């Protein structure tokens, strides 16, 4: 009477494929049983037990290279090794959870790249009637600022919040949106720039706090990248910004060099 089972039966019993069993053999994790008189390898209870142990550790996340020494270790070393694997799995779970959270944030749009406070500012802009192009430009500026000038990001947010609290500034911003339909050399652009500069000078909080301004001045190159963002898509807005800043500098207001 033939004892033991074939490799196919052993794989099915343990819940792996024949290919996996052979992979375990090649890695020295499970000894290959001797062939019987008919030429087949027959797996007995010792081999099946070892296959179950190897499969269980592999599914638990133990690297194959560590399974052999782990199974051959004494009880103390085995427990220590399992504790190490548990720690690795805990860290892996935390990493996967962070990735999952990022995927959820990506599905929600702005929250993937900006903190809640910035998202609230963007939502408020839309609620005040500022158009989608304006909000999109501010969103991109916030994303760039957070990466390029992190020390000035909170100040930038505070500046935007002050601007949204100022009805006169909101009206000027809306006029700036209307100006996008003008020709780049339209004389009304300079008039609007002067009106915006006057509003800044009348309410300095709209320019940001001194610490934030110093941070942006130290990051002049990064400031230019953000300041000129979308300049080719919105030449009127670019000219309006340049004229407004020039007027402010002529009034002695410190700002990053262009």
Protein backbone atom coordinates (compact mmCIF):
# COMPACT_ATOMS: atom_id res chain seq x y z
CA UNK A 1 0.00 0.00 0.00
CA UNK A 2 1.38 3.41 -1.04
CA UNK A 3 1.74 5.93 1.79
CA UNK A 4 1.77 9.68 1.40
CA UNK A 5 0.27 11.96 -1.25
CA UNK A 6 1.46 13.43 -4.54
CA UNK A 7 2.79 16.96 -4.86
CA UNK A 8 -0.52 18.05 -6.40
CA UNK A 9 -2.49 16.65 -3.51
CA UNK A 10 -0.09 18.12 -0.97
CA UNK A 11 -0.38 21.56 -2.59
CA UNK A 12 -4.19 21.34 -2.57
CA UNK A 13 -4.29 20.24 1.07
CA UNK A 14 -2.04 23.11 2.17
CA UNK A 15 -3.74 25.72 -0.05
CA UNK A 16 -0.91 26.60 -2.41
CA UNK A 17 0.00 25.77 -5.98
CA UNK A 18 2.37 23.05 -7.15
CA UNK A 19 4.61 25.83 -8.43
CA UNK A 20 4.75 27.31 -4.92
CA UNK A 21 5.67 23.96 -3.38
CA UNK A 22 8.52 23.59 -5.85
CA UNK A 23 9.58 27.16 -5.06
CA UNK A 24 9.77 26.20 -1.38
CA UNK A 25 11.93 23.21 -2.35
CA UNK A 26 14.31 25.37 -4.40
CA UNK A 27 14.71 27.76 -1.46
CA UNK A 28 15.48 24.93 0.92
CA UNK A 29 12.41 25.56 3.05
CA UNK A 30 10.92 22.09 2.61
CA UNK A 31 12.93 18.98 1.87
CA UNK A 32 11.80 17.03 -1.17
CA UNK A 33 10.55 13.58 -0.19
CA UNK A 34 12.09 10.47 -1.72
CA UNK A 35 10.45 8.91 -4.78
CA UNK A 36 8.49 5.71 -4.30
CA UNK A 37 8.84 2.58 -6.45
CA UNK A 38 6.54 4.08 -9.08
CA UNK A 39 8.78 7.15 -9.43
CA UNK A 40 6.51 9.63 -7.64
CA UNK A 41 7.48 11.77 -4.67
CA UNK A 42 5.16 11.06 -1.82
CA UNK A 43 4.48 13.70 0.85
CA UNK A 44 3.93 12.37 4.34
CA UNK A 45 2.79 14.14 7.48
CA UNK A 46 6.25 15.66 8.27
CA UNK A 47 6.43 17.32 4.83
CA UNK A 48 2.81 18.47 5.01
CA UNK A 49 3.41 19.97 8.47
CA UNK A 50 6.46 21.83 7.18
CA UNK A 51 4.50 23.09 4.15
CA UNK A 52 1.76 24.40 6.45
CA UNK A 53 4.30 26.16 8.65
CA UNK A 54 6.09 27.76 5.70
CA UNK A 55 2.85 28.85 4.04
CA UNK A 56 1.51 30.33 7.29
CA UNK A 57 4.64 32.42 7.88
CA UNK A 58 4.78 33.51 4.24
CA UNK A 59 1.16 34.66 4.32
CA UNK A 60 1.90 36.51 7.58
CA UNK A 61 4.50 38.54 5.70
CA UNK A 62 7.71 36.85 6.75
CA UNK A 63 10.25 37.01 3.89
CA UNK A 64 11.09 33.57 2.50
CA UNK A 65 14.77 34.09 3.28
CA UNK A 66 13.90 34.38 6.99
CA UNK A 67 11.46 31.49 7.23
CA UNK A 68 14.01 28.66 7.29
CA UNK A 69 16.10 30.03 10.18
CA UNK A 70 12.89 31.00 11.97
CA UNK A 71 11.46 27.48 11.87
CA UNK A 72 14.77 26.00 12.95
CA UNK A 73 15.17 28.42 15.90
CA UNK A 74 14.45 27.62 19.53
CA UNK A 75 11.26 28.87 21.17
CA UNK A 76 12.83 32.10 22.48
CA UNK A 77 14.34 33.12 19.16
CA UNK A 78 11.14 32.16 17.38
CA UNK A 79 9.07 34.43 19.64
CA UNK A 80 11.52 37.32 19.19
CA UNK A 81 11.50 36.86 15.44
CA UNK A 82 7.71 36.85 15.34
CA UNK A 83 7.64 40.04 17.40
CA UNK A 84 9.94 41.65 14.83
CA UNK A 85 7.70 40.51 11.99
CA UNK A 86 4.67 41.87 13.85
CA UNK A 87 6.39 45.26 14.15
CA UNK A 88 7.20 45.27 10.43
CA UNK A 89 3.61 44.42 9.59
CA UNK A 90 2.33 47.17 11.88
CA UNK A 91 4.55 49.68 10.10
CA UNK A 92 3.44 48.34 6.74
CA UNK A 93 -0.22 48.67 7.74
CA UNK A 94 0.41 52.30 8.77
CA UNK A 95 2.10 52.97 5.43
CA UNK A 96 -0.77 51.39 3.49
CA UNK A 97 -3.30 53.32 5.56
CA UNK A 98 -1.50 56.55 4.70
CA UNK A 99 -1.58 55.62 1.02
CA UNK A 100 -5.27 54.80 1.24
CA UNK A 101 -5.92 58.14 2.92
CA UNK A 102 -4.03 59.86 0.11
CA UNK A 103 -6.17 58.08 -2.49
CA UNK A 104 -9.29 59.27 -0.68
CA UNK A 105 -7.89 62.80 -0.58
CA UNK A 106 -7.11 62.65 -4.29
CA UNK A 107 -10.70 61.66 -4.95
CA UNK A 108 -11.79 64.76 -3.03
CA UNK A 109 -9.60 67.12 -5.08
CA UNK A 110 -7.89 69.94 -3.17
CA UNK A 111 -7.47 68.00 0.08
CA UNK A 112 -4.77 65.84 -1.53
CA UNK A 113 -2.38 68.75 -1.80
CA UNK A 114 -3.60 71.38 0.65
CA UNK A 115 -4.56 71.49 4.34
CA UNK A 116 -8.15 72.01 5.44
CA UNK A 117 -7.59 75.70 6.14
CA UNK A 118 -6.49 76.33 2.56
CA UNK A 119 -9.43 74.33 1.19
CA UNK A 120 -11.77 76.46 3.30
CA UNK A 121 -10.26 79.62 1.79
CA UNK A 122 -10.82 78.31 -1.75
CA UNK A 123 -14.40 77.33 -0.94
CA UNK A 124 -15.02 80.78 0.50
CA UNK A 125 -13.68 82.43 -2.66
CA UNK A 126 -16.25 80.58 -4.73
CA UNK A 127 -18.98 81.54 -2.27
CA UNK A 128 -18.08 85.22 -2.60
CA UNK A 129 -18.61 85.08 -6.35
CA UNK A 130 -14.99 84.89 -7.50
CA UNK A 131 -14.89 82.89 -10.71
CA UNK A 132 -13.51 79.38 -11.27
CA UNK A 133 -10.44 80.66 -13.14
CA UNK A 134 -9.57 82.98 -10.25
CA UNK A 135 -10.05 80.21 -7.70
CA UNK A 136 -8.02 77.77 -9.84
CA UNK A 137 -5.15 80.26 -10.08
CA UNK A 138 -5.18 80.77 -6.30
CA UNK A 139 -5.31 77.00 -5.74
CA UNK A 140 -2.23 76.47 -7.91
CA UNK A 141 -0.43 79.36 -6.20
CA UNK A 142 -1.17 77.80 -2.81
CA UNK A 143 0.12 74.40 -3.91
CA UNK A 144 3.32 75.95 -5.28
CA UNK A 145 3.78 78.14 -2.21
CA UNK A 146 3.41 75.21 0.15
CA UNK A 147 6.22 73.37 -1.63
CA UNK A 148 8.51 76.23 -2.66
CA UNK A 149 8.17 78.61 0.30
CA UNK A 150 6.83 76.53 3.22
CA UNK A 151 7.95 79.12 5.79
CA UNK A 152 5.73 81.70 4.09
CA UNK A 153 2.71 79.45 3.47
CA UNK A 154 0.77 80.22 6.67
CA UNK A 155 1.34 83.93 6.12
CA UNK A 156 0.06 83.59 2.56
CA UNK A 157 -3.09 81.89 3.86
CA UNK A 158 -3.61 84.62 6.45
CA UNK A 159 -3.19 87.23 3.72
CA UNK A 160 -5.87 85.56 1.58
CA UNK A 161 -8.19 85.37 4.59
CA UNK A 162 -7.74 89.11 5.23
CA UNK A 163 -8.48 89.81 1.58
CA UNK A 164 -11.70 87.80 1.70
CA UNK A 165 -12.76 89.79 4.79
CA UNK A 166 -12.44 93.06 2.85
CA UNK A 167 -15.50 93.78 0.63
CA UNK A 168 -13.65 96.55 -1.21
CA UNK A 169 -10.84 94.15 -2.12
CA UNK A 170 -13.34 91.53 -3.32
CA UNK A 171 -14.89 94.09 -5.67
CA UNK A 172 -11.44 94.94 -7.04
CA UNK A 173 -10.69 91.24 -7.51
CA UNK A 174 -13.92 90.86 -9.47
CA UNK A 175 -12.96 93.82 -11.63
CA UNK A 176 -9.66 92.03 -12.20
CA UNK A 177 -11.59 89.05 -13.52
CA UNK A 178 -13.52 91.32 -15.89
CA UNK A 179 -10.21 92.77 -17.05
CA UNK A 180 -9.24 89.38 -18.51
CA UNK A 181 -11.41 90.31 -21.53
CA UNK A 182 -9.44 93.51 -22.12
CA UNK A 183 -6.45 93.93 -24.39
CA UNK A 184 -3.11 93.76 -22.53
CA UNK A 185 -2.37 97.41 -23.34
CA UNK A 186 -5.78 98.70 -22.27
CA UNK A 187 -5.24 101.88 -20.16
CA UNK A 188 -7.89 100.69 -17.71
CA UNK A 189 -5.43 98.06 -16.49
CA UNK A 190 -3.15 100.73 -15.07
CA UNK A 191 -6.12 102.47 -13.46
CA UNK A 192 -7.18 99.21 -11.82
CA UNK A 193 -3.60 98.54 -10.67
CA UNK A 194 -3.50 101.94 -8.99
CA UNK A 195 -6.85 101.26 -7.32
CA UNK A 196 -5.58 97.91 -6.02
CA UNK A 197 -2.35 99.47 -4.77
CA UNK A 198 -4.34 102.17 -3.00
CA UNK A 199 -6.45 99.51 -1.31
CA UNK A 200 -3.33 97.67 -0.15
CA UNK A 201 -1.89 100.87 1.23
CA UNK A 202 -5.15 101.70 3.02
CA UNK A 203 -5.32 98.23 4.56
CA UNK A 204 -1.75 96.87 5.02
CA UNK A 205 -3.05 93.56 6.40
CA UNK A 206 -3.98 92.70 2.80
CA UNK A 207 -0.25 92.55 2.02
CA UNK A 208 0.54 90.01 4.72
CA UNK A 209 2.35 90.29 8.03
CA UNK A 210 6.00 91.48 8.14
CA UNK A 211 7.37 88.01 8.95
CA UNK A 212 5.62 86.53 5.93
CA UNK A 213 6.87 89.33 3.69
CA UNK A 214 10.43 88.72 4.88
CA UNK A 215 10.07 85.01 4.11
CA UNK A 216 8.91 85.75 0.59
CA UNK A 217 11.67 88.32 0.07
CA UNK A 218 14.28 85.73 1.06
CA UNK A 219 12.74 83.35 -1.50
CA UNK A 220 12.77 85.79 -4.41
CA UNK A 221 13.39 83.15 -7.08
CA UNK A 222 10.55 80.97 -5.83
CA UNK A 223 8.32 84.04 -5.56
CA UNK A 224 8.90 84.86 -9.21
CA UNK A 225 7.93 81.33 -10.24
CA UNK A 226 4.66 81.60 -8.33
CA UNK A 227 4.03 85.22 -9.27
CA UNK A 228 4.50 84.50 -12.98
CA UNK A 229 2.49 81.29 -12.92
CA UNK A 230 -0.17 81.32 -15.64
CA UNK A 231 1.32 84.56 -16.97
CA UNK A 232 1.25 83.21 -20.53
CA UNK A 233 -2.38 82.14 -20.09
CA UNK A 234 -3.54 85.38 -18.47
CA UNK A 235 -1.39 88.25 -19.78
CA UNK A 236 -3.76 90.90 -18.40
CA UNK A 237 -3.54 89.44 -14.90
CA UNK A 238 0.25 89.29 -15.19
CA UNK A 239 0.42 92.95 -16.24
CA UNK A 240 -2.03 93.96 -13.53
CA UNK A 241 0.10 92.24 -10.88
CA UNK A 242 3.31 93.77 -12.20
CA UNK A 243 1.84 97.30 -12.24
CA UNK A 244 0.34 96.92 -8.78
CA UNK A 245 3.63 95.71 -7.30
CA UNK A 246 5.57 98.47 -9.03
CA UNK A 247 3.24 101.07 -7.54
CA UNK A 248 3.63 99.52 -4.08
CA UNK A 249 7.42 99.56 -4.34
CA UNK A 250 7.35 103.18 -5.39
CA UNK A 251 5.36 103.82 -2.20
CA UNK A 252 8.10 102.15 -0.15
CA UNK A 253 6.31 98.87 0.51
CA UNK A 254 8.86 96.03 0.68
CA UNK A 255 8.18 93.16 -1.71
CA UNK A 256 10.27 90.44 -3.35
CA UNK A 257 12.28 91.74 -6.32
CA UNK A 258 10.86 90.90 -9.74
